[in-house]
Amino acid sequence: MENITKEEYNYERGYHLPIEPKQHQIRVEDALNLRLVDLFTESDGASHKYLSRADLILIFTLYPNGLSDFLEDYISYVEYEVQTKNYKVVNKPHFYLKNIIG
Protein backbone atom coordinates (compact mmCIF):
# COMPACT_ATOMS: atom_id res chain seq x y z
CA MET A 1 0.00 0.00 0.00
CA GLU A 2 1.40 3.37 -0.93
CA ASN A 3 2.06 6.00 1.72
CA ILE A 4 -0.55 8.75 1.70
CA THR A 5 -1.20 11.52 4.16
CA LYS A 6 -4.21 11.62 6.44
CA GLU A 7 -5.60 14.58 4.46
CA GLU A 8 -5.29 12.65 1.18
CA TYR A 9 -7.00 9.63 2.74
CA ASN A 10 -9.83 11.76 4.07
CA TYR A 11 -10.21 13.51 0.72
CA GLU A 12 -10.45 10.17 -1.10
CA ARG A 13 -13.10 9.02 1.37
CA GLY A 14 -15.20 12.14 0.84
CA TYR A 15 -14.34 13.82 4.14
CA HIS A 16 -13.09 16.95 2.43
CA LEU A 17 -16.30 18.87 2.88
CA PRO A 18 -16.01 22.00 5.03
CA ILE A 19 -16.91 21.54 8.67
CA GLU A 20 -20.27 23.11 9.39
CA PRO A 21 -20.76 24.31 12.96
CA LYS A 22 -23.67 22.90 14.93
CA GLN A 23 -26.21 25.25 16.47
CA HIS A 24 -24.14 25.70 19.65
CA GLN A 25 -20.85 26.19 17.78
CA ILE A 26 -19.04 28.91 15.87
CA ARG A 27 -16.16 28.78 13.40
CA VAL A 28 -12.77 29.44 14.99
CA GLU A 29 -12.08 32.35 12.62
CA ASP A 30 -15.33 34.03 13.64
CA ALA A 31 -14.73 33.38 17.35
CA LEU A 32 -11.25 34.90 17.24
CA ASN A 33 -12.63 38.05 15.59
CA LEU A 34 -15.39 38.67 18.15
CA ARG A 35 -15.52 42.12 19.70
CA LEU A 36 -17.47 43.23 22.75
CA VAL A 37 -20.23 44.72 20.61
CA ASP A 38 -20.61 41.42 18.75
CA LEU A 39 -21.74 39.71 21.95
CA PHE A 40 -24.97 41.72 21.78
CA THR A 41 -25.79 41.40 18.08
CA GLU A 42 -27.58 38.69 16.19
CA SER A 43 -25.30 35.68 15.72
CA ASP A 44 -26.90 33.97 12.76
CA GLY A 45 -29.85 35.95 11.47
CA ALA A 46 -32.31 33.75 13.36
CA SER A 47 -32.56 36.25 16.23
CA HIS A 48 -30.14 34.35 18.47
CA LYS A 49 -27.75 36.49 20.44
CA TYR A 50 -24.38 35.23 21.67
CA LEU A 51 -25.26 36.12 25.27
CA SER A 52 -28.52 36.35 27.17
CA ARG A 53 -29.42 38.68 30.03
CA ALA A 54 -28.79 35.85 32.49
CA ASP A 55 -25.36 35.36 30.91
CA LEU A 56 -24.55 39.02 31.53
CA ILE A 57 -25.48 38.71 35.20
CA LEU A 58 -23.22 35.67 35.53
CA ILE A 59 -20.36 37.38 33.69
CA PHE A 60 -20.46 40.47 35.92
CA THR A 61 -20.57 38.17 38.96
CA LEU A 62 -17.67 35.96 37.85
CA TYR A 63 -15.35 38.46 36.17
CA PRO A 64 -14.02 41.58 37.98
CA ASN A 65 -13.88 43.67 34.80
CA GLY A 66 -17.04 42.20 33.33
CA LEU A 67 -17.33 41.63 29.62
CA SER A 68 -13.78 42.56 28.69
CA ASP A 69 -12.38 39.89 31.04
CA PHE A 70 -14.91 37.36 29.80
CA LEU A 71 -14.09 38.02 26.15
CA GLU A 72 -10.37 37.77 26.87
CA ASP A 73 -10.95 34.44 28.66
CA TYR A 74 -13.13 33.20 25.78
CA ILE A 75 -10.49 34.09 23.16
CA SER A 76 -7.88 32.25 25.26
CA TYR A 77 -10.17 29.21 25.29
CA VAL A 78 -10.54 29.33 21.50
CA GLU A 79 -6.78 29.64 20.97
CA TYR A 80 -6.17 26.71 23.34
CA GLU A 81 -8.65 24.49 21.47
CA VAL A 82 -6.98 25.31 18.16
CA GLN A 83 -3.43 24.79 19.41
CA THR A 84 -4.02 21.58 21.36
CA LYS A 85 -6.81 19.90 19.39
CA ASN A 86 -6.71 21.66 16.02
CA TYR A 87 -10.44 22.38 16.25
CA LYS A 88 -12.14 24.22 13.39
CA VAL A 89 -15.29 25.04 15.39
CA VAL A 90 -15.74 25.81 19.09
CA ASN A 91 -18.62 26.50 21.46
CA LYS A 92 -20.32 29.87 21.19
CA PRO A 93 -19.77 32.25 24.13
CA HIS A 94 -23.07 31.27 25.82
CA PHE A 95 -22.18 27.57 25.81
CA TYR A 96 -18.61 28.29 26.88
CA LEU A 97 -20.02 30.16 29.89
CA LYS A 98 -22.36 27.26 30.68
CA ASN A 99 -19.42 24.86 30.62
CA ILE A 100 -17.21 26.90 32.95
CA ILE A 101 -19.92 27.30 35.60
CA GLY A 102 -20.85 23.63 35.41
C-alpha atoms as a PDB file:
ATOM      1  CA  MET A   1       0.000   0.000   0.000  1.00  0.00           C
ATOM      2  CA  GLU A   2       1.402   3.369  -0.929  1.00  0.00           C
ATOM      3  CA  ASN A   3       2.059   5.998   1.722  1.00  0.00           C
ATOM      4  CA  ILE A   4      -0.551   8.746   1.698  1.00  0.00           C
ATOM      5  CA  THR A   5      -1.199  11.519   4.163  1.00  0.00           C
ATOM      6  CA  LYS A   6      -4.209  11.623   6.444  1.00  0.00           C
ATOM      7  CA  GLU A   7      -5.598  14.577   4.460  1.00  0.00           C
ATOM      8  CA  GLU A   8      -5.291  12.648   1.184  1.00  0.00           C
ATOM      9  CA  TYR A   9      -7.001   9.627   2.735  1.00  0.00           C
ATOM     10  CA  ASN A  10      -9.832  11.761   4.066  1.00  0.00           C
ATOM     11  CA  TYR A  11     -10.207  13.506   0.718  1.00  0.00           C
ATOM     12  CA  GLU A  12     -10.454  10.171  -1.104  1.00  0.00           C
ATOM     13  CA  ARG A  13     -13.103   9.021   1.369  1.00  0.00           C
ATOM     14  CA  GLY A  14     -15.202  12.141   0.838  1.00  0.00           C
ATOM     15  CA  TYR A  15     -14.345  13.823   4.141  1.00  0.00           C
ATOM     16  CA  HIS A  16     -13.088  16.952   2.429  1.00  0.00           C
ATOM     17  CA  LEU A  17     -16.303  18.869   2.883  1.00  0.00           C
ATOM     18  CA  PRO A  18     -16.007  21.998   5.032  1.00  0.00           C
ATOM     19  CA  ILE A  19     -16.909  21.540   8.672  1.00  0.00           C
ATOM     20  CA  GLU A  20     -20.269  23.109   9.394  1.00  0.00           C
ATOM     21  CA  PRO A  21     -20.763  24.307  12.961  1.00  0.00           C
ATOM     22  CA  LYS A  22     -23.670  22.900  14.929  1.00  0.00           C
ATOM     23  CA  GLN A  23     -26.212  25.254  16.474  1.00  0.00           C
ATOM     24  CA  HIS A  24     -24.136  25.700  19.650  1.00  0.00           C
ATOM     25  CA  GLN A  25     -20.852  26.186  17.779  1.00  0.00           C
ATOM     26  CA  ILE A  26     -19.036  28.908  15.865  1.00  0.00           C
ATOM     27  CA  ARG A  27     -16.159  28.775  13.397  1.00  0.00           C
ATOM     28  CA  VAL A  28     -12.774  29.444  14.995  1.00  0.00           C
ATOM     29  CA  GLU A  29     -12.084  32.347  12.620  1.00  0.00           C
ATOM     30  CA  ASP A  30     -15.328  34.035  13.640  1.00  0.00           C
ATOM     31  CA  ALA A  31     -14.731  33.380  17.346  1.00  0.00           C
ATOM     32  CA  LEU A  32     -11.247  34.896  17.239  1.00  0.00           C
ATOM     33  CA  ASN A  33     -12.625  38.045  15.586  1.00  0.00           C
ATOM     34  CA  LEU A  34     -15.389  38.671  18.151  1.00  0.00           C
ATOM     35  CA  ARG A  35     -15.522  42.120  19.698  1.00  0.00           C
ATOM     36  CA  LEU A  36     -17.471  43.226  22.748  1.00  0.00           C
ATOM     37  CA  VAL A  37     -20.234  44.716  20.613  1.00  0.00           C
ATOM     38  CA  ASP A  38     -20.605  41.415  18.754  1.00  0.00           C
ATOM     39  CA  LEU A  39     -21.735  39.709  21.948  1.00  0.00           C
ATOM     40  CA  PHE A  40     -24.975  41.717  21.780  1.00  0.00           C
ATOM     41  CA  THR A  41     -25.793  41.399  18.079  1.00  0.00           C
ATOM     42  CA  GLU A  42     -27.582  38.688  16.192  1.00  0.00           C
ATOM     43  CA  SER A  43     -25.298  35.683  15.721  1.00  0.00           C
ATOM     44  CA  ASP A  44     -26.905  33.972  12.756  1.00  0.00           C
ATOM     45  CA  GLY A  45     -29.853  35.951  11.472  1.00  0.00           C
ATOM     46  CA  ALA A  46     -32.312  33.748  13.364  1.00  0.00           C
ATOM     47  CA  SER A  47     -32.560  36.246  16.234  1.00  0.00           C
ATOM     48  CA  HIS A  48     -30.143  34.352  18.471  1.00  0.00           C
ATOM     49  CA  LYS A  49     -27.747  36.490  20.443  1.00  0.00           C
ATOM     50  CA  TYR A  50     -24.385  35.233  21.666  1.00  0.00           C
ATOM     51  CA  LEU A  51     -25.258  36.122  25.272  1.00  0.00           C
ATOM     52  CA  SER A  52     -28.525  36.347  27.169  1.00  0.00           C
ATOM     53  CA  ARG A  53     -29.420  38.680  30.031  1.00  0.00           C
ATOM     54  CA  ALA A  54     -28.791  35.851  32.489  1.00  0.00           C
ATOM     55  CA  ASP A  55     -25.358  35.362  30.913  1.00  0.00           C
ATOM     56  CA  LEU A  56     -24.553  39.020  31.528  1.00  0.00           C
ATOM     57  CA  ILE A  57     -25.482  38.711  35.201  1.00  0.00           C
ATOM     58  CA  LEU A  58     -23.216  35.672  35.531  1.00  0.00           C
ATOM     59  CA  ILE A  59     -20.364  37.378  33.693  1.00  0.00           C
ATOM     60  CA  PHE A  60     -20.458  40.467  35.916  1.00  0.00           C
ATOM     61  CA  THR A  61     -20.572  38.166  38.956  1.00  0.00           C
ATOM     62  CA  LEU A  62     -17.665  35.963  37.855  1.00  0.00           C
ATOM     63  CA  TYR A  63     -15.349  38.463  36.172  1.00  0.00           C
ATOM     64  CA  PRO A  64     -14.023  41.576  37.983  1.00  0.00           C
ATOM     65  CA  ASN A  65     -13.884  43.665  34.798  1.00  0.00           C
ATOM     66  CA  GLY A  66     -17.042  42.197  33.332  1.00  0.00           C
ATOM     67  CA  LEU A  67     -17.328  41.629  29.620  1.00  0.00           C
ATOM     68  CA  SER A  68     -13.781  42.562  28.688  1.00  0.00           C
ATOM     69  CA  ASP A  69     -12.383  39.892  31.043  1.00  0.00           C
ATOM     70  CA  PHE A  70     -14.909  37.362  29.797  1.00  0.00           C
ATOM     71  CA  LEU A  71     -14.086  38.023  26.152  1.00  0.00           C
ATOM     72  CA  GLU A  72     -10.368  37.767  26.869  1.00  0.00           C
ATOM     73  CA  ASP A  73     -10.953  34.438  28.658  1.00  0.00           C
ATOM     74  CA  TYR A  74     -13.129  33.204  25.777  1.00  0.00           C
ATOM     75  CA  ILE A  75     -10.486  34.092  23.165  1.00  0.00           C
ATOM     76  CA  SER A  76      -7.882  32.247  25.261  1.00  0.00           C
ATOM     77  CA  TYR A  77     -10.169  29.212  25.290  1.00  0.00           C
ATOM     78  CA  VAL A  78     -10.535  29.335  21.497  1.00  0.00           C
ATOM     79  CA  GLU A  79      -6.784  29.639  20.972  1.00  0.00           C
ATOM     80  CA  TYR A  80      -6.167  26.709  23.343  1.00  0.00           C
ATOM     81  CA  GLU A  81      -8.655  24.494  21.471  1.00  0.00           C
ATOM     82  CA  VAL A  82      -6.981  25.308  18.160  1.00  0.00           C
ATOM     83  CA  GLN A  83      -3.430  24.785  19.410  1.00  0.00           C
ATOM     84  CA  THR A  84      -4.019  21.582  21.356  1.00  0.00           C
ATOM     85  CA  LYS A  85      -6.808  19.899  19.394  1.00  0.00           C
ATOM     86  CA  ASN A  86      -6.712  21.660  16.015  1.00  0.00           C
ATOM     87  CA  TYR A  87     -10.442  22.380  16.245  1.00  0.00           C
ATOM     88  CA  LYS A  88     -12.140  24.218  13.395  1.00  0.00           C
ATOM     89  CA  VAL A  89     -15.290  25.036  15.388  1.00  0.00           C
ATOM     90  CA  VAL A  90     -15.743  25.814  19.087  1.00  0.00           C
ATOM     91  CA  ASN A  91     -18.618  26.499  21.456  1.00  0.00           C
ATOM     92  CA  LYS A  92     -20.320  29.869  21.189  1.00  0.00           C
ATOM     93  CA  PRO A  93     -19.765  32.246  24.134  1.00  0.00           C
ATOM     94  CA  HIS A  94     -23.066  31.266  25.820  1.00  0.00           C
ATOM     95  CA  PHE A  95     -22.179  27.566  25.808  1.00  0.00           C
ATOM     96  CA  TYR A  96     -18.611  28.291  26.884  1.00  0.00           C
ATOM     97  CA  LEU A  97     -20.022  30.161  29.886  1.00  0.00           C
ATOM     98  CA  LYS A  98     -22.356  27.264  30.679  1.00  0.00           C
ATOM     99  CA  ASN A  99     -19.416  24.862  30.619  1.00  0.00           C
ATOM    100  CA  ILE A 100     -17.214  26.895  32.953  1.00  0.00           C
ATOM    101  CA  ILE A 101     -19.924  27.304  35.597  1.00  0.00           C
ATOM    102  CA  GLY A 102     -20.846  23.634  35.412  1.00  0.00           C
END
